[in-house]
Amino acid sequence: MSSLSPRHINGIGMTSQRTRDRLIERLQQQGISNTEVLRVMRNTPRHLFVDEALSHRAYEDTALPIGFRQTISQPYIVARMTQLILQPQTPSSVLEIGTGCGYQTAVLAQLVPQVYSVERIGALHLQAKKRLQALKYYNVECRHTDGKGGWPNLNYRFDRILMTAACSELPLKLLEQLNHQGSMIYPFDDGRQQMLMRVTRQHDDFKTESFEAVTFVPLLSGVS
């Protein structure tokens, strides 16, 4: 995927702009109100982040398989988490835990000055990196590493961290990589259900908030 023509990016039929516009209408009906998030998701070619055989379903509001027992998140969840990332103001840097196919990364790259993303599955990391480069998202840096350890440079601090896999306890290294007043959006699994959460750092104290029930793949250790 070294280069992409406007025809590939714009799509046809079930990947056309008209189909994307219908998705945006559904997101608005579900409470997504940030106009910049809606604009970016309207323009981002989600069909390029899934297998070609599933491209006709790319603008359905549903999660889809991307291989390796992973999924591309439901558009509503991507929009909801991105909207939370931009509150109370646009951060200068975001660390994403779980690049996956790179779709959430691409959305963030159009809204935030600098995006860092880590992925534990080597094949997904390489595929996503190629897609993001082909689409010219040059403000993204990707690494193949264990997401529980955060960004490999432990001296770096982020305004926001976005976790795209569910954890049963927060990895301490991620909390350490938050700036003062920085926040992390993540799915938390208490053994009964998963909830979308936000933890905000206030010096050495942390404030947590819960939002709504979600479904994510589990956060795993190690690399493959």
N, C-alpha and C. Protein backbone atom coordinates (compact mmCIF):
# COMPACT_ATOMS: atom_id res chain seq x y z
N MET A 1 0.85 -1.20 0.00
CA MET A 1 0.00 0.00 0.00
C MET A 1 0.88 1.25 0.00
N SER A 2 1.77 1.35 -1.01
CA SER A 2 2.71 2.46 -1.06
C SER A 2 2.05 3.76 -1.46
N SER A 3 0.99 3.69 -2.27
CA SER A 3 0.28 4.91 -2.66
C SER A 3 -1.19 4.57 -2.88
N LEU A 4 -2.04 5.56 -2.68
CA LEU A 4 -3.47 5.37 -2.81
C LEU A 4 -4.04 6.45 -3.70
N SER A 5 -4.85 6.05 -4.66
CA SER A 5 -5.48 7.02 -5.56
C SER A 5 -6.69 7.63 -4.88
N PRO A 6 -7.13 8.82 -5.33
CA PRO A 6 -8.36 9.41 -4.78
C PRO A 6 -9.55 8.47 -4.89
N ARG A 7 -9.59 7.65 -5.95
CA ARG A 7 -10.70 6.70 -6.12
C ARG A 7 -10.71 5.68 -4.99
N HIS A 8 -9.53 5.19 -4.60
CA HIS A 8 -9.46 4.24 -3.48
C HIS A 8 -9.91 4.90 -2.18
N ILE A 9 -9.47 6.13 -1.96
CA ILE A 9 -9.78 6.82 -0.71
C ILE A 9 -11.24 7.23 -0.65
N ASN A 10 -11.78 7.72 -1.76
CA ASN A 10 -13.16 8.21 -1.77
C ASN A 10 -14.17 7.07 -1.74
N GLY A 11 -13.83 5.93 -2.35
CA GLY A 11 -14.72 4.79 -2.34
C GLY A 11 -15.86 4.90 -3.35
N ILE A 12 -16.53 3.78 -3.58
CA ILE A 12 -17.69 3.73 -4.47
C ILE A 12 -18.74 2.82 -3.85
N GLY A 13 -19.97 2.96 -4.28
CA GLY A 13 -21.03 2.06 -3.80
C GLY A 13 -21.18 2.11 -2.30
N MET A 14 -20.96 0.95 -1.64
CA MET A 14 -21.13 0.86 -0.19
C MET A 14 -19.99 1.52 0.58
N THR A 15 -18.99 2.04 -0.11
CA THR A 15 -17.92 2.78 0.56
C THR A 15 -17.92 4.25 0.14
N SER A 16 -18.98 4.69 -0.51
CA SER A 16 -19.06 6.06 -1.05
C SER A 16 -19.34 7.08 0.04
N GLN A 17 -19.23 8.34 -0.33
CA GLN A 17 -19.49 9.42 0.63
C GLN A 17 -20.92 9.39 1.14
N ARG A 18 -21.84 9.02 0.30
CA ARG A 18 -23.25 8.96 0.72
C ARG A 18 -23.42 7.96 1.86
N THR A 19 -22.75 6.80 1.74
CA THR A 19 -22.82 5.78 2.80
C THR A 19 -22.18 6.30 4.08
N ARG A 20 -21.05 7.01 3.95
CA ARG A 20 -20.39 7.58 5.12
C ARG A 20 -21.27 8.61 5.81
N ASP A 21 -21.97 9.41 5.01
CA ASP A 21 -22.85 10.44 5.57
C ASP A 21 -23.96 9.83 6.40
N ARG A 22 -24.46 8.68 5.97
CA ARG A 22 -25.51 8.00 6.75
C ARG A 22 -24.96 7.55 8.10
N LEU A 23 -23.70 7.10 8.11
CA LEU A 23 -23.07 6.72 9.38
C LEU A 23 -22.96 7.93 10.31
N ILE A 24 -22.56 9.06 9.77
CA ILE A 24 -22.43 10.27 10.58
C ILE A 24 -23.76 10.68 11.17
N GLU A 25 -24.84 10.54 10.41
CA GLU A 25 -26.17 10.85 10.92
C GLU A 25 -26.50 9.96 12.11
N ARG A 26 -26.15 8.67 12.02
CA ARG A 26 -26.41 7.75 13.13
C ARG A 26 -25.59 8.14 14.36
N LEU A 27 -24.33 8.53 14.15
CA LEU A 27 -23.49 8.94 15.27
C LEU A 27 -24.09 10.17 15.98
N GLN A 28 -24.59 11.09 15.20
CA GLN A 28 -25.22 12.29 15.79
C GLN A 28 -26.45 11.89 16.60
N GLN A 29 -27.24 10.97 16.08
CA GLN A 29 -28.43 10.51 16.80
C GLN A 29 -28.07 9.81 18.10
N GLN A 30 -26.86 9.23 18.16
CA GLN A 30 -26.40 8.54 19.37
C GLN A 30 -25.69 9.47 20.35
N GLY A 31 -25.63 10.76 20.04
CA GLY A 31 -25.10 11.73 20.99
C GLY A 31 -23.71 12.24 20.72
N ILE A 32 -23.10 11.88 19.59
CA ILE A 32 -21.79 12.44 19.24
C ILE A 32 -22.02 13.85 18.72
N SER A 33 -21.49 14.83 19.45
CA SER A 33 -21.80 16.23 19.14
C SER A 33 -20.59 17.05 18.71
N ASN A 34 -19.38 16.54 18.91
CA ASN A 34 -18.18 17.30 18.54
C ASN A 34 -18.08 17.37 17.02
N THR A 35 -18.18 18.56 16.47
CA THR A 35 -18.23 18.72 15.02
C THR A 35 -16.91 18.30 14.35
N GLU A 36 -15.79 18.48 15.05
CA GLU A 36 -14.51 18.08 14.47
C GLU A 36 -14.39 16.56 14.41
N VAL A 37 -14.85 15.88 15.44
CA VAL A 37 -14.85 14.41 15.43
C VAL A 37 -15.72 13.90 14.29
N LEU A 38 -16.90 14.47 14.13
CA LEU A 38 -17.81 14.05 13.06
C LEU A 38 -17.20 14.33 11.69
N ARG A 39 -16.56 15.48 11.54
CA ARG A 39 -15.93 15.83 10.26
C ARG A 39 -14.84 14.82 9.89
N VAL A 40 -13.99 14.52 10.86
CA VAL A 40 -12.89 13.60 10.60
C VAL A 40 -13.40 12.20 10.28
N MET A 41 -14.40 11.74 11.01
CA MET A 41 -14.91 10.40 10.76
C MET A 41 -15.68 10.33 9.44
N ARG A 42 -16.26 11.42 9.02
CA ARG A 42 -16.89 11.47 7.70
C ARG A 42 -15.86 11.31 6.60
N ASN A 43 -14.67 11.87 6.82
CA ASN A 43 -13.65 11.91 5.77
C ASN A 43 -12.65 10.77 5.81
N THR A 44 -12.60 10.01 6.91
CA THR A 44 -11.60 8.95 7.04
C THR A 44 -12.09 7.68 6.35
N PRO A 45 -11.30 7.12 5.43
CA PRO A 45 -11.73 5.95 4.65
C PRO A 45 -11.64 4.65 5.45
N ARG A 46 -12.64 4.38 6.27
CA ARG A 46 -12.62 3.19 7.13
C ARG A 46 -12.50 1.90 6.31
N HIS A 47 -12.99 1.92 5.06
CA HIS A 47 -12.94 0.72 4.23
C HIS A 47 -11.51 0.29 3.90
N LEU A 48 -10.55 1.21 4.04
CA LEU A 48 -9.16 0.86 3.78
C LEU A 48 -8.48 0.20 4.98
N PHE A 49 -9.18 0.15 6.10
CA PHE A 49 -8.61 -0.43 7.32
C PHE A 49 -9.16 -1.83 7.62
N VAL A 50 -9.99 -2.35 6.73
CA VAL A 50 -10.52 -3.70 6.89
C VAL A 50 -10.16 -4.51 5.65
N ASP A 51 -10.31 -5.82 5.75
CA ASP A 51 -10.08 -6.69 4.61
C ASP A 51 -11.02 -6.30 3.47
N GLU A 52 -10.53 -6.40 2.24
CA GLU A 52 -11.33 -5.99 1.08
C GLU A 52 -12.67 -6.71 1.03
N ALA A 53 -12.70 -7.95 1.50
CA ALA A 53 -13.95 -8.72 1.49
C ALA A 53 -15.00 -8.14 2.43
N LEU A 54 -14.56 -7.33 3.39
CA LEU A 54 -15.50 -6.72 4.35
C LEU A 54 -15.71 -5.23 4.08
N SER A 55 -15.13 -4.71 3.01
CA SER A 55 -15.19 -3.27 2.77
C SER A 55 -16.62 -2.76 2.60
N HIS A 56 -17.52 -3.61 2.09
CA HIS A 56 -18.91 -3.18 1.90
C HIS A 56 -19.62 -2.98 3.24
N ARG A 57 -19.01 -3.45 4.34
CA ARG A 57 -19.60 -3.28 5.67
C ARG A 57 -18.87 -2.23 6.51
N ALA A 58 -17.91 -1.56 5.89
CA ALA A 58 -17.03 -0.65 6.64
C ALA A 58 -17.77 0.49 7.30
N TYR A 59 -18.89 0.93 6.73
CA TYR A 59 -19.59 2.08 7.30
C TYR A 59 -20.88 1.69 8.03
N GLU A 60 -20.96 0.40 8.38
CA GLU A 60 -21.96 -0.03 9.35
C GLU A 60 -21.44 0.35 10.74
N ASP A 61 -22.35 0.62 11.65
CA ASP A 61 -21.92 0.97 13.00
C ASP A 61 -21.72 -0.29 13.82
N THR A 62 -20.67 -1.02 13.46
CA THR A 62 -20.39 -2.29 14.12
C THR A 62 -18.90 -2.57 14.09
N ALA A 63 -18.44 -3.37 15.07
CA ALA A 63 -17.05 -3.83 15.05
C ALA A 63 -16.91 -4.92 13.99
N LEU A 64 -15.71 -5.03 13.40
CA LEU A 64 -15.45 -6.03 12.36
C LEU A 64 -14.12 -6.72 12.65
N PRO A 65 -13.98 -7.99 12.27
CA PRO A 65 -12.72 -8.70 12.51
C PRO A 65 -11.60 -8.18 11.62
N ILE A 66 -10.38 -8.14 12.17
CA ILE A 66 -9.22 -7.72 11.40
C ILE A 66 -8.12 -8.79 11.44
N GLY A 67 -8.48 -9.98 11.93
CA GLY A 67 -7.51 -11.06 12.05
C GLY A 67 -6.85 -11.07 13.41
N PHE A 68 -6.16 -12.17 13.73
CA PHE A 68 -5.41 -12.32 14.98
C PHE A 68 -6.31 -12.17 16.22
N ARG A 69 -7.60 -12.52 16.06
CA ARG A 69 -8.60 -12.41 17.13
C ARG A 69 -8.78 -10.97 17.61
N GLN A 70 -8.57 -10.04 16.73
CA GLN A 70 -8.73 -8.62 17.03
C GLN A 70 -9.84 -8.03 16.16
N THR A 71 -10.31 -6.86 16.53
CA THR A 71 -11.38 -6.20 15.77
C THR A 71 -11.06 -4.73 15.55
N ILE A 72 -11.68 -4.17 14.53
CA ILE A 72 -11.73 -2.71 14.37
C ILE A 72 -12.96 -2.26 15.15
N SER A 73 -12.80 -1.27 16.00
CA SER A 73 -13.88 -0.89 16.91
C SER A 73 -15.09 -0.32 16.17
N GLN A 74 -16.23 -0.47 16.77
CA GLN A 74 -17.47 0.12 16.28
C GLN A 74 -17.27 1.64 16.12
N PRO A 75 -17.71 2.23 15.01
CA PRO A 75 -17.53 3.67 14.80
C PRO A 75 -18.04 4.53 15.96
N TYR A 76 -19.19 4.16 16.54
CA TYR A 76 -19.68 4.95 17.68
C TYR A 76 -18.66 4.97 18.81
N ILE A 77 -18.05 3.83 19.11
CA ILE A 77 -17.07 3.77 20.21
C ILE A 77 -15.84 4.60 19.87
N VAL A 78 -15.39 4.53 18.62
CA VAL A 78 -14.26 5.36 18.19
C VAL A 78 -14.60 6.84 18.39
N ALA A 79 -15.79 7.23 17.96
CA ALA A 79 -16.20 8.63 18.09
C ALA A 79 -16.34 9.03 19.55
N ARG A 80 -16.93 8.16 20.36
CA ARG A 80 -17.14 8.46 21.79
C ARG A 80 -15.81 8.63 22.52
N MET A 81 -14.87 7.71 22.28
CA MET A 81 -13.58 7.79 22.95
C MET A 81 -12.78 8.99 22.46
N THR A 82 -12.87 9.28 21.17
CA THR A 82 -12.16 10.44 20.63
C THR A 82 -12.73 11.73 21.19
N GLN A 83 -14.04 11.80 21.32
CA GLN A 83 -14.68 12.98 21.90
C GLN A 83 -14.20 13.20 23.33
N LEU A 84 -14.06 12.12 24.09
CA LEU A 84 -13.55 12.23 25.46
C LEU A 84 -12.09 12.66 25.48
N ILE A 85 -11.30 12.17 24.51
CA ILE A 85 -9.89 12.55 24.42
C ILE A 85 -9.74 14.06 24.26
N LEU A 86 -10.65 14.69 23.55
CA LEU A 86 -10.55 16.12 23.24
C LEU A 86 -11.08 17.01 24.37
N GLN A 87 -11.57 16.41 25.45
CA GLN A 87 -12.08 17.18 26.58
C GLN A 87 -11.03 17.29 27.68
N PRO A 88 -10.91 18.42 28.38
CA PRO A 88 -11.67 19.66 28.18
C PRO A 88 -11.12 20.52 27.04
N GLN A 89 -9.91 20.17 26.53
CA GLN A 89 -9.37 20.86 25.37
C GLN A 89 -8.49 19.88 24.60
N THR A 90 -8.14 20.25 23.37
CA THR A 90 -7.34 19.37 22.54
C THR A 90 -5.96 19.16 23.15
N PRO A 91 -5.55 17.92 23.38
CA PRO A 91 -4.21 17.65 23.93
C PRO A 91 -3.14 17.83 22.86
N SER A 92 -1.90 17.99 23.30
CA SER A 92 -0.80 18.09 22.34
C SER A 92 -0.24 16.72 21.98
N SER A 93 -0.46 15.73 22.84
CA SER A 93 0.06 14.39 22.56
C SER A 93 -0.88 13.33 23.12
N VAL A 94 -1.00 12.23 22.36
CA VAL A 94 -1.81 11.09 22.78
C VAL A 94 -1.01 9.81 22.58
N LEU A 95 -1.03 8.93 23.56
CA LEU A 95 -0.47 7.59 23.44
C LEU A 95 -1.64 6.62 23.30
N GLU A 96 -1.63 5.87 22.23
CA GLU A 96 -2.67 4.86 21.99
C GLU A 96 -2.10 3.48 22.31
N ILE A 97 -2.80 2.74 23.16
CA ILE A 97 -2.40 1.38 23.50
C ILE A 97 -3.24 0.41 22.67
N GLY A 98 -2.63 -0.16 21.63
CA GLY A 98 -3.34 -1.07 20.75
C GLY A 98 -3.64 -0.42 19.41
N THR A 99 -2.65 -0.39 18.53
CA THR A 99 -2.85 0.22 17.21
C THR A 99 -3.89 -0.52 16.40
N GLY A 100 -3.88 -1.86 16.50
CA GLY A 100 -4.81 -2.65 15.71
C GLY A 100 -4.59 -2.42 14.23
N CYS A 101 -5.68 -2.13 13.52
CA CYS A 101 -5.58 -1.86 12.08
C CYS A 101 -5.17 -0.43 11.78
N GLY A 102 -5.19 0.44 12.80
CA GLY A 102 -4.76 1.82 12.62
C GLY A 102 -5.87 2.82 12.40
N TYR A 103 -7.14 2.38 12.43
CA TYR A 103 -8.25 3.31 12.16
C TYR A 103 -8.39 4.37 13.26
N GLN A 104 -8.45 3.94 14.51
CA GLN A 104 -8.52 4.91 15.60
C GLN A 104 -7.32 5.84 15.57
N THR A 105 -6.15 5.31 15.23
CA THR A 105 -4.93 6.11 15.12
C THR A 105 -5.10 7.20 14.08
N ALA A 106 -5.67 6.83 12.94
CA ALA A 106 -5.87 7.78 11.84
C ALA A 106 -6.83 8.90 12.24
N VAL A 107 -7.88 8.55 12.97
CA VAL A 107 -8.83 9.56 13.45
C VAL A 107 -8.13 10.54 14.39
N LEU A 108 -7.36 10.01 15.34
CA LEU A 108 -6.64 10.86 16.28
C LEU A 108 -5.63 11.76 15.57
N ALA A 109 -4.96 11.21 14.55
CA ALA A 109 -3.90 11.95 13.86
C ALA A 109 -4.42 13.22 13.19
N GLN A 110 -5.70 13.24 12.88
CA GLN A 110 -6.29 14.41 12.23
C GLN A 110 -6.81 15.45 13.22
N LEU A 111 -6.70 15.13 14.51
CA LEU A 111 -7.25 16.01 15.54
C LEU A 111 -6.23 16.45 16.57
N VAL A 112 -5.12 15.72 16.67
CA VAL A 112 -4.12 15.94 17.72
C VAL A 112 -2.75 16.15 17.06
N PRO A 113 -1.94 17.09 17.56
CA PRO A 113 -0.65 17.35 16.94
C PRO A 113 0.27 16.13 16.82
N GLN A 114 0.34 15.29 17.88
CA GLN A 114 1.27 14.16 17.83
C GLN A 114 0.62 12.92 18.45
N VAL A 115 0.66 11.82 17.72
CA VAL A 115 0.09 10.56 18.18
C VAL A 115 1.20 9.51 18.24
N TYR A 116 1.26 8.81 19.36
CA TYR A 116 2.17 7.68 19.54
C TYR A 116 1.30 6.45 19.73
N SER A 117 1.65 5.35 19.07
CA SER A 117 0.79 4.17 19.15
C SER A 117 1.63 2.91 19.26
N VAL A 118 1.23 2.01 20.15
CA VAL A 118 1.94 0.75 20.33
C VAL A 118 1.02 -0.42 20.05
N GLU A 119 1.60 -1.48 19.50
CA GLU A 119 0.85 -2.69 19.16
C GLU A 119 1.72 -3.91 19.46
N ARG A 120 1.13 -4.90 20.15
CA ARG A 120 1.90 -6.08 20.56
C ARG A 120 1.99 -7.15 19.47
N ILE A 121 1.10 -7.12 18.47
CA ILE A 121 1.11 -8.12 17.39
C ILE A 121 1.87 -7.55 16.20
N GLY A 122 3.00 -8.18 15.89
CA GLY A 122 3.89 -7.63 14.89
C GLY A 122 3.26 -7.44 13.52
N ALA A 123 2.47 -8.42 13.07
CA ALA A 123 1.86 -8.32 11.74
C ALA A 123 0.88 -7.15 11.67
N LEU A 124 0.08 -6.94 12.72
CA LEU A 124 -0.84 -5.81 12.75
C LEU A 124 -0.07 -4.49 12.77
N HIS A 125 0.98 -4.45 13.55
CA HIS A 125 1.82 -3.24 13.62
C HIS A 125 2.32 -2.84 12.23
N LEU A 126 2.85 -3.80 11.48
CA LEU A 126 3.40 -3.50 10.16
C LEU A 126 2.31 -3.08 9.18
N GLN A 127 1.16 -3.77 9.21
CA GLN A 127 0.05 -3.42 8.32
C GLN A 127 -0.45 -2.00 8.60
N ALA A 128 -0.64 -1.69 9.88
CA ALA A 128 -1.14 -0.37 10.26
C ALA A 128 -0.15 0.73 9.88
N LYS A 129 1.13 0.47 10.13
CA LYS A 129 2.16 1.46 9.81
C LYS A 129 2.16 1.79 8.31
N LYS A 130 2.02 0.76 7.48
CA LYS A 130 1.98 0.97 6.03
C LYS A 130 0.74 1.76 5.62
N ARG A 131 -0.41 1.44 6.20
CA ARG A 131 -1.64 2.16 5.89
C ARG A 131 -1.52 3.64 6.26
N LEU A 132 -1.03 3.89 7.45
CA LEU A 132 -0.93 5.28 7.93
C LEU A 132 0.05 6.09 7.09
N GLN A 133 1.13 5.46 6.66
CA GLN A 133 2.08 6.15 5.80
C GLN A 133 1.48 6.41 4.42
N ALA A 134 0.75 5.42 3.88
CA ALA A 134 0.13 5.59 2.57
C ALA A 134 -0.90 6.71 2.57
N LEU A 135 -1.58 6.88 3.72
CA LEU A 135 -2.59 7.95 3.85
C LEU A 135 -1.97 9.27 4.32
N LYS A 136 -0.65 9.29 4.49
CA LYS A 136 0.12 10.50 4.78
C LYS A 136 -0.20 11.11 6.15
N TYR A 137 -0.37 10.23 7.13
CA TYR A 137 -0.50 10.70 8.51
C TYR A 137 0.90 10.71 9.11
N TYR A 138 1.58 11.80 8.91
CA TYR A 138 3.00 11.88 9.25
C TYR A 138 3.25 12.25 10.71
N ASN A 139 2.21 12.59 11.45
CA ASN A 139 2.38 12.94 12.86
C ASN A 139 2.12 11.76 13.79
N VAL A 140 2.30 10.55 13.25
CA VAL A 140 2.09 9.32 14.02
C VAL A 140 3.41 8.56 14.11
N GLU A 141 3.73 8.10 15.32
CA GLU A 141 4.89 7.23 15.51
C GLU A 141 4.39 5.92 16.11
N CYS A 142 4.74 4.82 15.44
CA CYS A 142 4.26 3.50 15.88
C CYS A 142 5.42 2.65 16.38
N ARG A 143 5.13 1.83 17.39
CA ARG A 143 6.12 0.89 17.92
C ARG A 143 5.48 -0.48 18.12
N HIS A 144 6.29 -1.52 17.90
CA HIS A 144 5.88 -2.89 18.18
C HIS A 144 6.39 -3.23 19.57
N THR A 145 5.52 -3.21 20.55
CA THR A 145 5.93 -3.43 21.93
C THR A 145 4.72 -3.79 22.78
N ASP A 146 4.97 -4.25 23.99
CA ASP A 146 3.92 -4.61 24.94
C ASP A 146 3.25 -3.34 25.46
N GLY A 147 1.95 -3.20 25.20
CA GLY A 147 1.23 -2.00 25.58
C GLY A 147 1.17 -1.74 27.07
N LYS A 148 1.27 -2.80 27.88
CA LYS A 148 1.22 -2.61 29.33
C LYS A 148 2.41 -1.80 29.84
N GLY A 149 3.48 -1.77 29.06
CA GLY A 149 4.65 -0.99 29.45
C GLY A 149 4.62 0.43 28.93
N GLY A 150 3.55 0.79 28.21
CA GLY A 150 3.46 2.14 27.67
C GLY A 150 4.49 2.38 26.58
N TRP A 151 4.87 3.65 26.41
CA TRP A 151 5.87 4.01 25.41
C TRP A 151 7.25 3.61 25.93
N PRO A 152 8.11 3.04 25.07
CA PRO A 152 9.42 2.56 25.54
C PRO A 152 10.27 3.59 26.27
N ASN A 153 10.15 4.86 25.90
CA ASN A 153 10.90 5.92 26.60
C ASN A 153 10.13 6.30 27.87
N LEU A 154 10.58 5.79 29.00
CA LEU A 154 9.83 6.00 30.24
C LEU A 154 9.88 7.43 30.74
N ASN A 155 10.74 8.27 30.15
CA ASN A 155 10.80 9.67 30.57
C ASN A 155 9.76 10.53 29.86
N TYR A 156 9.06 9.94 28.91
CA TYR A 156 8.07 10.72 28.16
C TYR A 156 6.75 10.76 28.91
N ARG A 157 6.07 11.90 28.85
CA ARG A 157 4.76 12.06 29.48
C ARG A 157 3.75 12.51 28.44
N PHE A 158 2.52 12.02 28.56
CA PHE A 158 1.49 12.29 27.58
C PHE A 158 0.32 13.04 28.20
N ASP A 159 -0.32 13.88 27.39
CA ASP A 159 -1.52 14.57 27.84
C ASP A 159 -2.70 13.61 27.95
N ARG A 160 -2.75 12.65 27.03
CA ARG A 160 -3.82 11.66 27.03
C ARG A 160 -3.25 10.29 26.70
N ILE A 161 -3.89 9.27 27.25
CA ILE A 161 -3.63 7.89 26.85
C ILE A 161 -4.97 7.26 26.51
N LEU A 162 -5.00 6.55 25.40
CA LEU A 162 -6.22 5.88 24.96
C LEU A 162 -5.94 4.38 24.85
N MET A 163 -6.65 3.59 25.62
CA MET A 163 -6.46 2.14 25.61
C MET A 163 -7.60 1.49 24.83
N THR A 164 -7.25 0.66 23.84
CA THR A 164 -8.27 0.03 23.01
C THR A 164 -8.42 -1.47 23.31
N ALA A 165 -8.09 -1.85 24.53
CA ALA A 165 -8.30 -3.22 25.01
C ALA A 165 -8.69 -3.12 26.48
N ALA A 166 -9.48 -4.07 26.94
CA ALA A 166 -10.02 -4.00 28.30
C ALA A 166 -9.05 -4.57 29.32
N CYS A 167 -8.90 -3.84 30.43
CA CYS A 167 -8.03 -4.29 31.51
C CYS A 167 -8.86 -4.54 32.77
N SER A 168 -8.36 -5.42 33.62
CA SER A 168 -9.00 -5.68 34.91
C SER A 168 -8.31 -4.91 36.03
N GLU A 169 -7.13 -4.37 35.75
CA GLU A 169 -6.45 -3.44 36.64
C GLU A 169 -5.56 -2.54 35.79
N LEU A 170 -5.41 -1.30 36.21
CA LEU A 170 -4.66 -0.34 35.41
C LEU A 170 -3.15 -0.59 35.51
N PRO A 171 -2.47 -0.72 34.37
CA PRO A 171 -1.01 -0.86 34.42
C PRO A 171 -0.36 0.40 35.00
N LEU A 172 0.44 0.24 36.04
CA LEU A 172 1.04 1.39 36.72
C LEU A 172 1.94 2.20 35.80
N LYS A 173 2.61 1.54 34.86
CA LYS A 173 3.52 2.26 33.96
C LYS A 173 2.76 3.25 33.09
N LEU A 174 1.50 2.94 32.79
CA LEU A 174 0.70 3.87 32.00
C LEU A 174 0.35 5.11 32.82
N LEU A 175 -0.04 4.89 34.05
CA LEU A 175 -0.36 6.02 34.92
C LEU A 175 0.85 6.92 35.11
N GLU A 176 2.04 6.30 35.19
CA GLU A 176 3.27 7.08 35.36
C GLU A 176 3.58 7.94 34.14
N GLN A 177 3.06 7.55 32.98
CA GLN A 177 3.36 8.28 31.76
C GLN A 177 2.33 9.37 31.45
N LEU A 178 1.42 9.61 32.38
CA LEU A 178 0.47 10.72 32.22
C LEU A 178 1.06 12.01 32.75
N ASN A 179 0.87 13.09 32.00
CA ASN A 179 1.21 14.42 32.51
C ASN A 179 0.30 14.78 33.67
N HIS A 180 0.72 15.77 34.46
CA HIS A 180 -0.17 16.35 35.47
C HIS A 180 -1.41 16.89 34.77
N GLN A 181 -2.57 16.52 35.28
CA GLN A 181 -3.88 16.85 34.70
C GLN A 181 -4.14 16.11 33.39
N GLY A 182 -3.26 15.17 33.06
CA GLY A 182 -3.52 14.31 31.91
C GLY A 182 -4.55 13.26 32.27
N SER A 183 -5.15 12.64 31.26
CA SER A 183 -6.17 11.64 31.51
C SER A 183 -6.03 10.45 30.57
N MET A 184 -6.56 9.33 31.02
CA MET A 184 -6.55 8.11 30.23
C MET A 184 -7.97 7.61 30.07
N ILE A 185 -8.33 7.28 28.82
CA ILE A 185 -9.63 6.70 28.51
C ILE A 185 -9.39 5.21 28.29
N TYR A 186 -10.18 4.37 28.95
CA TYR A 186 -9.92 2.93 28.87
C TYR A 186 -11.17 2.13 29.21
N PRO A 187 -11.28 0.90 28.66
CA PRO A 187 -12.34 -0.01 29.07
C PRO A 187 -11.88 -0.83 30.27
N PHE A 188 -12.70 -0.88 31.29
CA PHE A 188 -12.35 -1.62 32.51
C PHE A 188 -13.28 -2.81 32.66
N ASP A 189 -12.70 -3.97 32.91
CA ASP A 189 -13.46 -5.22 33.05
C ASP A 189 -13.44 -5.65 34.51
N ASP A 190 -14.61 -5.61 35.15
CA ASP A 190 -14.67 -5.99 36.57
C ASP A 190 -15.05 -7.45 36.76
N GLY A 191 -15.05 -8.21 35.66
CA GLY A 191 -15.42 -9.61 35.74
C GLY A 191 -16.87 -9.87 35.42
N ARG A 192 -17.70 -8.84 35.48
CA ARG A 192 -19.11 -8.96 35.15
C ARG A 192 -19.45 -8.22 33.87
N GLN A 193 -18.88 -7.03 33.73
CA GLN A 193 -19.09 -6.25 32.51
C GLN A 193 -17.90 -5.33 32.30
N GLN A 194 -17.83 -4.76 31.11
CA GLN A 194 -16.81 -3.76 30.80
C GLN A 194 -17.46 -2.38 30.79
N MET A 195 -16.76 -1.42 31.38
CA MET A 195 -17.24 -0.04 31.39
C MET A 195 -16.18 0.88 30.80
N LEU A 196 -16.63 1.86 30.03
CA LEU A 196 -15.72 2.88 29.53
C LEU A 196 -15.43 3.85 30.67
N MET A 197 -14.14 4.07 30.96
CA MET A 197 -13.72 4.85 32.11
C MET A 197 -12.75 5.96 31.70
N ARG A 198 -12.62 6.93 32.59
CA ARG A 198 -11.57 7.94 32.45
C ARG A 198 -10.91 8.14 33.80
N VAL A 199 -9.58 8.11 33.81
CA VAL A 199 -8.83 8.43 35.02
C VAL A 199 -8.01 9.68 34.72
N THR A 200 -8.07 10.65 35.63
CA THR A 200 -7.37 11.92 35.46
C THR A 200 -6.33 12.07 36.56
N ARG A 201 -5.12 12.41 36.15
CA ARG A 201 -4.03 12.56 37.11
C ARG A 201 -4.01 13.97 37.69
N GLN A 202 -3.93 14.06 38.99
CA GLN A 202 -3.77 15.34 39.69
C GLN A 202 -2.57 15.18 40.62
N HIS A 203 -1.38 15.48 40.08
CA HIS A 203 -0.11 15.20 40.76
C HIS A 203 -0.03 13.70 41.03
N ASP A 204 -0.04 13.27 42.28
CA ASP A 204 0.06 11.84 42.58
C ASP A 204 -1.29 11.22 42.93
N ASP A 205 -2.36 11.98 42.75
CA ASP A 205 -3.71 11.47 42.97
C ASP A 205 -4.39 11.22 41.63
N PHE A 206 -5.39 10.33 41.65
CA PHE A 206 -6.07 9.98 40.42
C PHE A 206 -7.59 9.96 40.66
N LYS A 207 -8.30 10.63 39.77
CA LYS A 207 -9.76 10.69 39.85
C LYS A 207 -10.34 9.84 38.72
N THR A 208 -11.28 8.96 39.04
CA THR A 208 -11.88 8.10 38.02
C THR A 208 -13.34 8.45 37.79
N GLU A 209 -13.77 8.27 36.54
CA GLU A 209 -15.16 8.47 36.14
C GLU A 209 -15.56 7.31 35.25
N SER A 210 -16.84 6.93 35.31
CA SER A 210 -17.35 5.87 34.43
C SER A 210 -18.42 6.45 33.51
N PHE A 211 -18.55 5.84 32.32
CA PHE A 211 -19.46 6.38 31.32
C PHE A 211 -20.52 5.37 30.88
N GLU A 212 -20.13 4.32 30.17
CA GLU A 212 -21.13 3.41 29.63
C GLU A 212 -20.53 2.03 29.40
N ALA A 213 -21.40 1.04 29.25
CA ALA A 213 -20.96 -0.33 29.00
C ALA A 213 -20.38 -0.45 27.60
N VAL A 214 -19.30 -1.22 27.47
CA VAL A 214 -18.63 -1.42 26.19
C VAL A 214 -18.19 -2.88 26.08
N THR A 215 -17.68 -3.25 24.90
CA THR A 215 -17.14 -4.59 24.68
C THR A 215 -15.83 -4.47 23.90
N PHE A 216 -14.74 -4.89 24.52
CA PHE A 216 -13.42 -4.84 23.90
C PHE A 216 -12.72 -6.18 24.08
N VAL A 217 -11.74 -6.43 23.22
CA VAL A 217 -10.85 -7.58 23.44
C VAL A 217 -10.02 -7.31 24.68
N PRO A 218 -9.51 -8.34 25.35
CA PRO A 218 -8.74 -8.12 26.58
C PRO A 218 -7.34 -7.58 26.31
N LEU A 219 -6.83 -6.81 27.27
CA LEU A 219 -5.45 -6.34 27.22
C LEU A 219 -4.53 -7.49 27.62
N LEU A 220 -3.61 -7.86 26.72
CA LEU A 220 -2.72 -8.99 26.97
C LEU A 220 -1.28 -8.52 27.09
N SER A 221 -0.46 -9.36 27.73
CA SER A 221 0.96 -9.06 27.89
C SER A 221 1.78 -9.72 26.80
N GLY A 222 2.99 -9.21 26.63
CA GLY A 222 3.93 -9.81 25.70
C GLY A 222 3.74 -9.33 24.26
N VAL A 223 4.66 -9.78 23.39
CA VAL A 223 4.58 -9.43 21.97
C VAL A 223 4.57 -10.71 21.14
N SER A 224 4.07 -10.59 19.93
CA SER A 224 4.03 -11.75 19.02
C SER A 224 4.29 -11.29 17.60
